[in-house]
Amino acid sequence: QAAVVALVGAEEAERRAGALGPDMDER
């Protein structure tokens, strides 16, 4: 179960990483 949850978390984090541009707001 921990591994399955971790995979989902990694996918979500990867999506977040795509939003990390040079001009980001605090949010």
mmCIF file of all heavy atoms, coordinates in Angstrom:
data_MODEL
# 
_entry.id   MODEL 
# 
loop_
_atom_site.group_PDB 
_atom_site.id 
_atom_site.type_symbol 
_atom_site.label_atom_id 
_atom_site.label_alt_id 
_atom_site.label_comp_id 
_atom_site.label_asym_id 
_atom_site.label_entity_id 
_atom_site.label_seq_id 
_atom_site.pdbx_PDB_ins_code 
_atom_site.Cartn_x 
_atom_site.Cartn_y 
_atom_site.Cartn_z 
_atom_site.occupancy 
_atom_site.B_iso_or_equiv 
_atom_site.pdbx_formal_charge 
_atom_site.auth_seq_id 
_atom_site.auth_comp_id 
_atom_site.auth_asym_id 
_atom_site.auth_atom_id 
_atom_site.pdbx_PDB_model_num 
ATOM 1   N N   . GLN A 1 1  ? 0.814  -1.210 0.000   1.00 0.00 ? 1  GLN A N   1 
ATOM 2   C CA  . GLN A 1 1  ? 0.000  0.000  0.000   1.00 0.00 ? 1  GLN A CA  1 
ATOM 3   C C   . GLN A 1 1  ? 0.850  1.264  0.000   1.00 0.00 ? 1  GLN A C   1 
ATOM 4   O O   . GLN A 1 1  ? 0.569  2.218  -0.726  1.00 0.00 ? 1  GLN A O   1 
ATOM 5   C CB  . GLN A 1 1  ? -0.951 0.013  1.185   1.00 0.00 ? 1  GLN A CB  1 
ATOM 6   C CG  . GLN A 1 1  ? -1.850 1.243  1.182   1.00 0.00 ? 1  GLN A CG  1 
ATOM 7   C CD  . GLN A 1 1  ? -2.832 1.247  2.325   1.00 0.00 ? 1  GLN A CD  1 
ATOM 8   O OE1 . GLN A 1 1  ? -2.874 0.339  3.131   1.00 0.00 ? 1  GLN A OE1 1 
ATOM 9   N NE2 . GLN A 1 1  ? -3.625 2.285  2.397   1.00 0.00 ? 1  GLN A NE2 1 
ATOM 10  N N   . ALA A 1 2  ? 1.909  1.301  0.803   1.00 0.00 ? 2  ALA A N   1 
ATOM 11  C CA  . ALA A 1 2  ? 2.778  2.490  0.854   1.00 0.00 ? 2  ALA A CA  1 
ATOM 12  C C   . ALA A 1 2  ? 3.377  2.777  -0.516  1.00 0.00 ? 2  ALA A C   1 
ATOM 13  O O   . ALA A 1 2  ? 3.516  3.940  -0.911  1.00 0.00 ? 2  ALA A O   1 
ATOM 14  C CB  . ALA A 1 2  ? 3.887  2.297  1.886   1.00 0.00 ? 2  ALA A CB  1 
ATOM 15  N N   . ALA A 1 3  ? 3.689  1.732  -1.258  1.00 0.00 ? 3  ALA A N   1 
ATOM 16  C CA  . ALA A 1 3  ? 4.278  1.912  -2.583  1.00 0.00 ? 3  ALA A CA  1 
ATOM 17  C C   . ALA A 1 3  ? 3.257  2.450  -3.576  1.00 0.00 ? 3  ALA A C   1 
ATOM 18  O O   . ALA A 1 3  ? 3.572  3.323  -4.393  1.00 0.00 ? 3  ALA A O   1 
ATOM 19  C CB  . ALA A 1 3  ? 4.855  0.588  -3.081  1.00 0.00 ? 3  ALA A CB  1 
ATOM 20  N N   . VAL A 1 4  ? 2.044  1.958  -3.512  1.00 0.00 ? 4  VAL A N   1 
ATOM 21  C CA  . VAL A 1 4  ? 0.994  2.431  -4.416  1.00 0.00 ? 4  VAL A CA  1 
ATOM 22  C C   . VAL A 1 4  ? 0.714  3.908  -4.158  1.00 0.00 ? 4  VAL A C   1 
ATOM 23  O O   . VAL A 1 4  ? 0.629  4.714  -5.094  1.00 0.00 ? 4  VAL A O   1 
ATOM 24  C CB  . VAL A 1 4  ? -0.290 1.583  -4.251  1.00 0.00 ? 4  VAL A CB  1 
ATOM 25  C CG1 . VAL A 1 4  ? -1.435 2.164  -5.049  1.00 0.00 ? 4  VAL A CG1 1 
ATOM 26  C CG2 . VAL A 1 4  ? -0.020 0.140  -4.668  1.00 0.00 ? 4  VAL A CG2 1 
ATOM 27  N N   . VAL A 1 5  ? 0.606  4.287  -2.901  1.00 0.00 ? 5  VAL A N   1 
ATOM 28  C CA  . VAL A 1 5  ? 0.363  5.684  -2.539  1.00 0.00 ? 5  VAL A CA  1 
ATOM 29  C C   . VAL A 1 5  ? 1.549  6.549  -2.982  1.00 0.00 ? 5  VAL A C   1 
ATOM 30  O O   . VAL A 1 5  ? 1.375  7.659  -3.486  1.00 0.00 ? 5  VAL A O   1 
ATOM 31  C CB  . VAL A 1 5  ? 0.099  5.815  -1.022  1.00 0.00 ? 5  VAL A CB  1 
ATOM 32  C CG1 . VAL A 1 5  ? 0.029  7.265  -0.587  1.00 0.00 ? 5  VAL A CG1 1 
ATOM 33  C CG2 . VAL A 1 5  ? -1.181 5.086  -0.654  1.00 0.00 ? 5  VAL A CG2 1 
ATOM 34  N N   . ALA A 1 6  ? 2.761  6.040  -2.823  1.00 0.00 ? 6  ALA A N   1 
ATOM 35  C CA  . ALA A 1 6  ? 3.960  6.781  -3.228  1.00 0.00 ? 6  ALA A CA  1 
ATOM 36  C C   . ALA A 1 6  ? 3.981  7.035  -4.730  1.00 0.00 ? 6  ALA A C   1 
ATOM 37  O O   . ALA A 1 6  ? 4.374  8.114  -5.182  1.00 0.00 ? 6  ALA A O   1 
ATOM 38  C CB  . ALA A 1 6  ? 5.211  6.034  -2.791  1.00 0.00 ? 6  ALA A CB  1 
ATOM 39  N N   . LEU A 1 7  ? 3.561  6.042  -5.516  1.00 0.00 ? 7  LEU A N   1 
ATOM 40  C CA  . LEU A 1 7  ? 3.512  6.233  -6.971  1.00 0.00 ? 7  LEU A CA  1 
ATOM 41  C C   . LEU A 1 7  ? 2.549  7.344  -7.359  1.00 0.00 ? 7  LEU A C   1 
ATOM 42  O O   . LEU A 1 7  ? 2.858  8.188  -8.210  1.00 0.00 ? 7  LEU A O   1 
ATOM 43  C CB  . LEU A 1 7  ? 3.114  4.934  -7.677  1.00 0.00 ? 7  LEU A CB  1 
ATOM 44  C CG  . LEU A 1 7  ? 4.233  3.927  -7.903  1.00 0.00 ? 7  LEU A CG  1 
ATOM 45  C CD1 . LEU A 1 7  ? 3.664  2.612  -8.436  1.00 0.00 ? 7  LEU A CD1 1 
ATOM 46  C CD2 . LEU A 1 7  ? 5.277  4.480  -8.843  1.00 0.00 ? 7  LEU A CD2 1 
ATOM 47  N N   . VAL A 1 8  ? 1.401  7.372  -6.725  1.00 0.00 ? 8  VAL A N   1 
ATOM 48  C CA  . VAL A 1 8  ? 0.424  8.432  -6.993  1.00 0.00 ? 8  VAL A CA  1 
ATOM 49  C C   . VAL A 1 8  ? 1.018  9.782  -6.587  1.00 0.00 ? 8  VAL A C   1 
ATOM 50  O O   . VAL A 1 8  ? 0.905  10.778 -7.316  1.00 0.00 ? 8  VAL A O   1 
ATOM 51  C CB  . VAL A 1 8  ? -0.907 8.161  -6.255  1.00 0.00 ? 8  VAL A CB  1 
ATOM 52  C CG1 . VAL A 1 8  ? -1.849 9.343  -6.362  1.00 0.00 ? 8  VAL A CG1 1 
ATOM 53  C CG2 . VAL A 1 8  ? -1.561 6.901  -6.808  1.00 0.00 ? 8  VAL A CG2 1 
ATOM 54  N N   . GLY A 1 9  ? 1.678  9.833  -5.455  1.00 0.00 ? 9  GLY A N   1 
ATOM 55  C CA  . GLY A 1 9  ? 2.312  11.067 -4.996  1.00 0.00 ? 9  GLY A CA  1 
ATOM 56  C C   . GLY A 1 9  ? 3.401  11.540 -5.942  1.00 0.00 ? 9  GLY A C   1 
ATOM 57  O O   . GLY A 1 9  ? 3.536  12.751 -6.186  1.00 0.00 ? 9  GLY A O   1 
ATOM 58  N N   . ALA A 1 10 ? 4.166  10.617 -6.482  1.00 0.00 ? 10 ALA A N   1 
ATOM 59  C CA  . ALA A 1 10 ? 5.225  10.977 -7.434  1.00 0.00 ? 10 ALA A CA  1 
ATOM 60  C C   . ALA A 1 10 ? 4.625  11.565 -8.702  1.00 0.00 ? 10 ALA A C   1 
ATOM 61  O O   . ALA A 1 10 ? 5.153  12.545 -9.252  1.00 0.00 ? 10 ALA A O   1 
ATOM 62  C CB  . ALA A 1 10 ? 6.089  9.762  -7.756  1.00 0.00 ? 10 ALA A CB  1 
ATOM 63  N N   . GLU A 1 11 ? 3.516  11.005 -9.156  1.00 0.00 ? 11 GLU A N   1 
ATOM 64  C CA  . GLU A 1 11 ? 2.857  11.539 -10.358 1.00 0.00 ? 11 GLU A CA  1 
ATOM 65  C C   . GLU A 1 11 ? 2.347  12.957 -10.107 1.00 0.00 ? 11 GLU A C   1 
ATOM 66  O O   . GLU A 1 11 ? 2.499  13.846 -10.956 1.00 0.00 ? 11 GLU A O   1 
ATOM 67  C CB  . GLU A 1 11 ? 1.696  10.627 -10.786 1.00 0.00 ? 11 GLU A CB  1 
ATOM 68  C CG  . GLU A 1 11 ? 2.123  9.237  -11.202 1.00 0.00 ? 11 GLU A CG  1 
ATOM 69  C CD  . GLU A 1 11 ? 3.112  9.220  -12.362 1.00 0.00 ? 11 GLU A CD  1 
ATOM 70  O OE1 . GLU A 1 11 ? 2.966  10.053 -13.284 1.00 0.00 ? 11 GLU A OE1 1 
ATOM 71  O OE2 . GLU A 1 11 ? 4.029  8.395  -12.326 1.00 0.00 ? 11 GLU A OE2 1 
ATOM 72  N N   . GLU A 1 12 ? 1.741  13.176 -8.952  1.00 0.00 ? 12 GLU A N   1 
ATOM 73  C CA  . GLU A 1 12 ? 1.234  14.511 -8.617  1.00 0.00 ? 12 GLU A CA  1 
ATOM 74  C C   . GLU A 1 12 ? 2.391  15.505 -8.495  1.00 0.00 ? 12 GLU A C   1 
ATOM 75  O O   . GLU A 1 12 ? 2.302  16.633 -8.983  1.00 0.00 ? 12 GLU A O   1 
ATOM 76  C CB  . GLU A 1 12 ? 0.436  14.461 -7.307  1.00 0.00 ? 12 GLU A CB  1 
ATOM 77  C CG  . GLU A 1 12 ? -0.018 15.814 -6.809  1.00 0.00 ? 12 GLU A CG  1 
ATOM 78  C CD  . GLU A 1 12 ? -0.954 16.547 -7.757  1.00 0.00 ? 12 GLU A CD  1 
ATOM 79  O OE1 . GLU A 1 12 ? -1.607 15.898 -8.599  1.00 0.00 ? 12 GLU A OE1 1 
ATOM 80  O OE2 . GLU A 1 12 ? -1.025 17.781 -7.660  1.00 0.00 ? 12 GLU A OE2 1 
ATOM 81  N N   . ALA A 1 13 ? 3.468  15.096 -7.857  1.00 0.00 ? 13 ALA A N   1 
ATOM 82  C CA  . ALA A 1 13 ? 4.627  15.983 -7.707  1.00 0.00 ? 13 ALA A CA  1 
ATOM 83  C C   . ALA A 1 13 ? 5.231  16.327 -9.063  1.00 0.00 ? 13 ALA A C   1 
ATOM 84  O O   . ALA A 1 13 ? 5.681  17.452 -9.277  1.00 0.00 ? 13 ALA A O   1 
ATOM 85  C CB  . ALA A 1 13 ? 5.670  15.327 -6.812  1.00 0.00 ? 13 ALA A CB  1 
ATOM 86  N N   . GLU A 1 14 ? 5.223  15.379 -9.965  1.00 0.00 ? 14 GLU A N   1 
ATOM 87  C CA  . GLU A 1 14 ? 5.748  15.632 -11.304 1.00 0.00 ? 14 GLU A CA  1 
ATOM 88  C C   . GLU A 1 14 ? 4.894  16.691 -12.017 1.00 0.00 ? 14 GLU A C   1 
ATOM 89  O O   . GLU A 1 14 ? 5.423  17.571 -12.705 1.00 0.00 ? 14 GLU A O   1 
ATOM 90  C CB  . GLU A 1 14 ? 5.785  14.338 -12.103 1.00 0.00 ? 14 GLU A CB  1 
ATOM 91  C CG  . GLU A 1 14 ? 6.623  14.418 -13.343 1.00 0.00 ? 14 GLU A CG  1 
ATOM 92  C CD  . GLU A 1 14 ? 6.912  13.046 -13.903 1.00 0.00 ? 14 GLU A CD  1 
ATOM 93  O OE1 . GLU A 1 14 ? 5.958  12.253 -14.092 1.00 0.00 ? 14 GLU A OE1 1 
ATOM 94  O OE2 . GLU A 1 14 ? 8.088  12.770 -14.152 1.00 0.00 ? 14 GLU A OE2 1 
ATOM 95  N N   . ARG A 1 15 ? 3.596  16.625 -11.819 1.00 0.00 ? 15 ARG A N   1 
ATOM 96  C CA  . ARG A 1 15 ? 2.716  17.658 -12.384 1.00 0.00 ? 15 ARG A CA  1 
ATOM 97  C C   . ARG A 1 15 ? 3.024  19.031 -11.768 1.00 0.00 ? 15 ARG A C   1 
ATOM 98  O O   . ARG A 1 15 ? 3.071  20.036 -12.463 1.00 0.00 ? 15 ARG A O   1 
ATOM 99  C CB  . ARG A 1 15 ? 1.242  17.301 -12.169 1.00 0.00 ? 15 ARG A CB  1 
ATOM 100 C CG  . ARG A 1 15 ? 0.722  16.270 -13.163 1.00 0.00 ? 15 ARG A CG  1 
ATOM 101 C CD  . ARG A 1 15 ? -0.777 16.146 -13.099 1.00 0.00 ? 15 ARG A CD  1 
ATOM 102 N NE  . ARG A 1 15 ? -1.275 15.523 -11.887 1.00 0.00 ? 15 ARG A NE  1 
ATOM 103 C CZ  . ARG A 1 15 ? -1.236 14.216 -11.642 1.00 0.00 ? 15 ARG A CZ  1 
ATOM 104 N NH1 . ARG A 1 15 ? -0.730 13.387 -12.531 1.00 0.00 ? 15 ARG A NH1 1 
ATOM 105 N NH2 . ARG A 1 15 ? -1.723 13.719 -10.517 1.00 0.00 ? 15 ARG A NH2 1 
ATOM 106 N N   . ARG A 1 16 ? 3.251  19.049 -10.475 1.00 0.00 ? 16 ARG A N   1 
ATOM 107 C CA  . ARG A 1 16 ? 3.600  20.308 -9.796  1.00 0.00 ? 16 ARG A CA  1 
ATOM 108 C C   . ARG A 1 16 ? 4.927  20.850 -10.329 1.00 0.00 ? 16 ARG A C   1 
ATOM 109 O O   . ARG A 1 16 ? 5.079  22.055 -10.496 1.00 0.00 ? 16 ARG A O   1 
ATOM 110 C CB  . ARG A 1 16 ? 3.731  20.105 -8.295  1.00 0.00 ? 16 ARG A CB  1 
ATOM 111 C CG  . ARG A 1 16 ? 2.447  19.785 -7.628  1.00 0.00 ? 16 ARG A CG  1 
ATOM 112 C CD  . ARG A 1 16 ? 1.989  20.967 -6.811  1.00 0.00 ? 16 ARG A CD  1 
ATOM 113 N NE  . ARG A 1 16 ? 0.770  20.594 -6.134  1.00 0.00 ? 16 ARG A NE  1 
ATOM 114 C CZ  . ARG A 1 16 ? -0.398 21.096 -6.426  1.00 0.00 ? 16 ARG A CZ  1 
ATOM 115 N NH1 . ARG A 1 16 ? -0.519 22.000 -7.359  1.00 0.00 ? 16 ARG A NH1 1 
ATOM 116 N NH2 . ARG A 1 16 ? -1.470 20.713 -5.782  1.00 0.00 ? 16 ARG A NH2 1 
ATOM 117 N N   . ALA A 1 17 ? 5.874  19.976 -10.569 1.00 0.00 ? 17 ALA A N   1 
ATOM 118 C CA  . ALA A 1 17 ? 7.187  20.406 -11.062 1.00 0.00 ? 17 ALA A CA  1 
ATOM 119 C C   . ALA A 1 17 ? 7.053  21.112 -12.401 1.00 0.00 ? 17 ALA A C   1 
ATOM 120 O O   . ALA A 1 17 ? 7.802  22.051 -12.693 1.00 0.00 ? 17 ALA A O   1 
ATOM 121 C CB  . ALA A 1 17 ? 8.131  19.216 -11.183 1.00 0.00 ? 17 ALA A CB  1 
ATOM 122 N N   . GLY A 1 18 ? 6.091  20.699 -13.196 1.00 0.00 ? 18 GLY A N   1 
ATOM 123 C CA  . GLY A 1 18 ? 5.869  21.341 -14.478 1.00 0.00 ? 18 GLY A CA  1 
ATOM 124 C C   . GLY A 1 18 ? 5.423  22.780 -14.343 1.00 0.00 ? 18 GLY A C   1 
ATOM 125 O O   . GLY A 1 18 ? 5.589  23.587 -15.262 1.00 0.00 ? 18 GLY A O   1 
ATOM 126 N N   . ALA A 1 19 ? 4.874  23.142 -13.179 1.00 0.00 ? 19 ALA A N   1 
ATOM 127 C CA  . ALA A 1 19 ? 4.399  24.511 -12.948 1.00 0.00 ? 19 ALA A CA  1 
ATOM 128 C C   . ALA A 1 19 ? 5.497  25.413 -12.386 1.00 0.00 ? 19 ALA A C   1 
ATOM 129 O O   . ALA A 1 19 ? 5.279  26.595 -12.183 1.00 0.00 ? 19 ALA A O   1 
ATOM 130 C CB  . ALA A 1 19 ? 3.211  24.496 -11.984 1.00 0.00 ? 19 ALA A CB  1 
ATOM 131 N N   . LEU A 1 20 ? 6.668  24.862 -12.133 1.00 0.00 ? 20 LEU A N   1 
ATOM 132 C CA  . LEU A 1 20 ? 7.743  25.632 -11.514 1.00 0.00 ? 20 LEU A CA  1 
ATOM 133 C C   . LEU A 1 20 ? 8.536  26.399 -12.566 1.00 0.00 ? 20 LEU A C   1 
ATOM 134 O O   . LEU A 1 20 ? 9.594  25.986 -13.000 1.00 0.00 ? 20 LEU A O   1 
ATOM 135 C CB  . LEU A 1 20 ? 8.686  24.703 -10.733 1.00 0.00 ? 20 LEU A CB  1 
ATOM 136 C CG  . LEU A 1 20 ? 8.139  24.171 -9.438  1.00 0.00 ? 20 LEU A CG  1 
ATOM 137 C CD1 . LEU A 1 20 ? 9.041  23.089 -8.878  1.00 0.00 ? 20 LEU A CD1 1 
ATOM 138 C CD2 . LEU A 1 20 ? 7.960  25.278 -8.428  1.00 0.00 ? 20 LEU A CD2 1 
ATOM 139 N N   . GLY A 1 21 ? 7.997  27.524 -12.959 1.00 0.00 ? 21 GLY A N   1 
ATOM 140 C CA  . GLY A 1 21 ? 8.680  28.384 -13.913 1.00 0.00 ? 21 GLY A CA  1 
ATOM 141 C C   . GLY A 1 21 ? 9.550  29.402 -13.206 1.00 0.00 ? 21 GLY A C   1 
ATOM 142 O O   . GLY A 1 21 ? 9.578  29.471 -11.980 1.00 0.00 ? 21 GLY A O   1 
ATOM 143 N N   . PRO A 1 22 ? 10.263 30.224 -13.965 1.00 0.00 ? 22 PRO A N   1 
ATOM 144 C CA  . PRO A 1 22 ? 11.156 31.209 -13.351 1.00 0.00 ? 22 PRO A CA  1 
ATOM 145 C C   . PRO A 1 22 ? 10.419 32.322 -12.613 1.00 0.00 ? 22 PRO A C   1 
ATOM 146 O O   . PRO A 1 22 ? 10.949 32.895 -11.673 1.00 0.00 ? 22 PRO A O   1 
ATOM 147 C CB  . PRO A 1 22 ? 11.948 31.765 -14.534 1.00 0.00 ? 22 PRO A CB  1 
ATOM 148 C CG  . PRO A 1 22 ? 11.113 31.468 -15.734 1.00 0.00 ? 22 PRO A CG  1 
ATOM 149 C CD  . PRO A 1 22 ? 10.304 30.249 -15.408 1.00 0.00 ? 22 PRO A CD  1 
ATOM 150 N N   . ASP A 1 23 ? 9.203  32.639 -13.006 1.00 0.00 ? 23 ASP A N   1 
ATOM 151 C CA  . ASP A 1 23 ? 8.438  33.711 -12.363 1.00 0.00 ? 23 ASP A CA  1 
ATOM 152 C C   . ASP A 1 23 ? 7.204  33.131 -11.684 1.00 0.00 ? 23 ASP A C   1 
ATOM 153 O O   . ASP A 1 23 ? 6.103  33.177 -12.213 1.00 0.00 ? 23 ASP A O   1 
ATOM 154 C CB  . ASP A 1 23 ? 8.028  34.768 -13.398 1.00 0.00 ? 23 ASP A CB  1 
ATOM 155 C CG  . ASP A 1 23 ? 9.232  35.440 -14.006 1.00 0.00 ? 23 ASP A CG  1 
ATOM 156 O OD1 . ASP A 1 23 ? 10.156 35.772 -13.245 1.00 0.00 ? 23 ASP A OD1 1 
ATOM 157 O OD2 . ASP A 1 23 ? 9.258  35.609 -15.229 1.00 0.00 ? 23 ASP A OD2 1 
ATOM 158 N N   . MET A 1 24 ? 7.402  32.595 -10.502 1.00 0.00 ? 24 MET A N   1 
ATOM 159 C CA  . MET A 1 24 ? 6.313  31.951 -9.776  1.00 0.00 ? 24 MET A CA  1 
ATOM 160 C C   . MET A 1 24 ? 5.812  32.860 -8.675  1.00 0.00 ? 24 MET A C   1 
ATOM 161 O O   . MET A 1 24 ? 6.561  33.647 -8.124  1.00 0.00 ? 24 MET A O   1 
ATOM 162 C CB  . MET A 1 24 ? 6.813  30.652 -9.147  1.00 0.00 ? 24 MET A CB  1 
ATOM 163 C CG  . MET A 1 24 ? 7.256  29.640 -10.147 1.00 0.00 ? 24 MET A CG  1 
ATOM 164 S SD  . MET A 1 24 ? 7.976  28.173 -9.396  1.00 0.00 ? 24 MET A SD  1 
ATOM 165 C CE  . MET A 1 24 ? 7.256  28.084 -7.822  1.00 0.00 ? 24 MET A CE  1 
ATOM 166 N N   . ASP A 1 25 ? 4.548  32.690 -8.331  1.00 0.00 ? 25 ASP A N   1 
ATOM 167 C CA  . ASP A 1 25 ? 4.025  33.424 -7.188  1.00 0.00 ? 25 ASP A CA  1 
ATOM 168 C C   . ASP A 1 25 ? 4.195  32.570 -5.929  1.00 0.00 ? 25 ASP A C   1 
ATOM 169 O O   . ASP A 1 25 ? 4.541  31.396 -5.997  1.00 0.00 ? 25 ASP A O   1 
ATOM 170 C CB  . ASP A 1 25 ? 2.563  33.809 -7.410  1.00 0.00 ? 25 ASP A CB  1 
ATOM 171 C CG  . ASP A 1 25 ? 1.647  32.608 -7.618  1.00 0.00 ? 25 ASP A CG  1 
ATOM 172 O OD1 . ASP A 1 25 ? 2.068  31.464 -7.379  1.00 0.00 ? 25 ASP A OD1 1 
ATOM 173 O OD2 . ASP A 1 25 ? 0.499  32.826 -8.022  1.00 0.00 ? 25 ASP A OD2 1 
ATOM 174 N N   . GLU A 1 26 ? 3.969  33.182 -4.787  1.00 0.00 ? 26 GLU A N   1 
ATOM 175 C CA  . GLU A 1 26 ? 4.168  32.480 -3.516  1.00 0.00 ? 26 GLU A CA  1 
ATOM 176 C C   . GLU A 1 26 ? 3.276  31.255 -3.393  1.00 0.00 ? 26 GLU A C   1 
ATOM 177 O O   . GLU A 1 26 ? 3.702  30.225 -2.861  1.00 0.00 ? 26 GLU A O   1 
ATOM 178 C CB  . GLU A 1 26 ? 3.901  33.421 -2.345  1.00 0.00 ? 26 GLU A CB  1 
ATOM 179 C CG  . GLU A 1 26 ? 4.977  34.446 -2.151  1.00 0.00 ? 26 GLU A CG  1 
ATOM 180 C CD  . GLU A 1 26 ? 4.727  35.319 -0.936  1.00 0.00 ? 26 GLU A CD  1 
ATOM 181 O OE1 . GLU A 1 26 ? 3.765  35.081 -0.181  1.00 0.00 ? 26 GLU A OE1 1 
ATOM 182 O OE2 . GLU A 1 26 ? 5.513  36.262 -0.751  1.00 0.00 ? 26 GLU A OE2 1 
ATOM 183 N N   . ARG A 1 27 ? 2.068  31.354 -3.876  1.00 0.00 ? 27 ARG A N   1 
ATOM 184 C CA  . ARG A 1 27 ? 1.126  30.226 -3.786  1.00 0.00 ? 27 ARG A CA  1 
ATOM 185 C C   . ARG A 1 27 ? 1.678  29.004 -4.518  1.00 0.00 ? 27 ARG A C   1 
ATOM 186 O O   . ARG A 1 27 ? 1.633  27.889 -4.001  1.00 0.00 ? 27 ARG A O   1 
ATOM 187 C CB  . ARG A 1 27 ? -0.221 30.643 -4.370  1.00 0.00 ? 27 ARG A CB  1 
ATOM 188 C CG  . ARG A 1 27 ? -1.281 29.588 -4.303  1.00 0.00 ? 27 ARG A CG  1 
ATOM 189 C CD  . ARG A 1 27 ? -2.630 30.169 -4.783  1.00 0.00 ? 27 ARG A CD  1 
ATOM 190 N NE  . ARG A 1 27 ? -3.630 29.152 -4.842  1.00 0.00 ? 27 ARG A NE  1 
ATOM 191 C CZ  . ARG A 1 27 ? -3.957 28.498 -5.962  1.00 0.00 ? 27 ARG A CZ  1 
ATOM 192 N NH1 . ARG A 1 27 ? -3.371 28.783 -7.098  1.00 0.00 ? 27 ARG A NH1 1 
ATOM 193 N NH2 . ARG A 1 27 ? -4.887 27.572 -5.937  1.00 0.00 ? 27 ARG A NH2 1 
# 
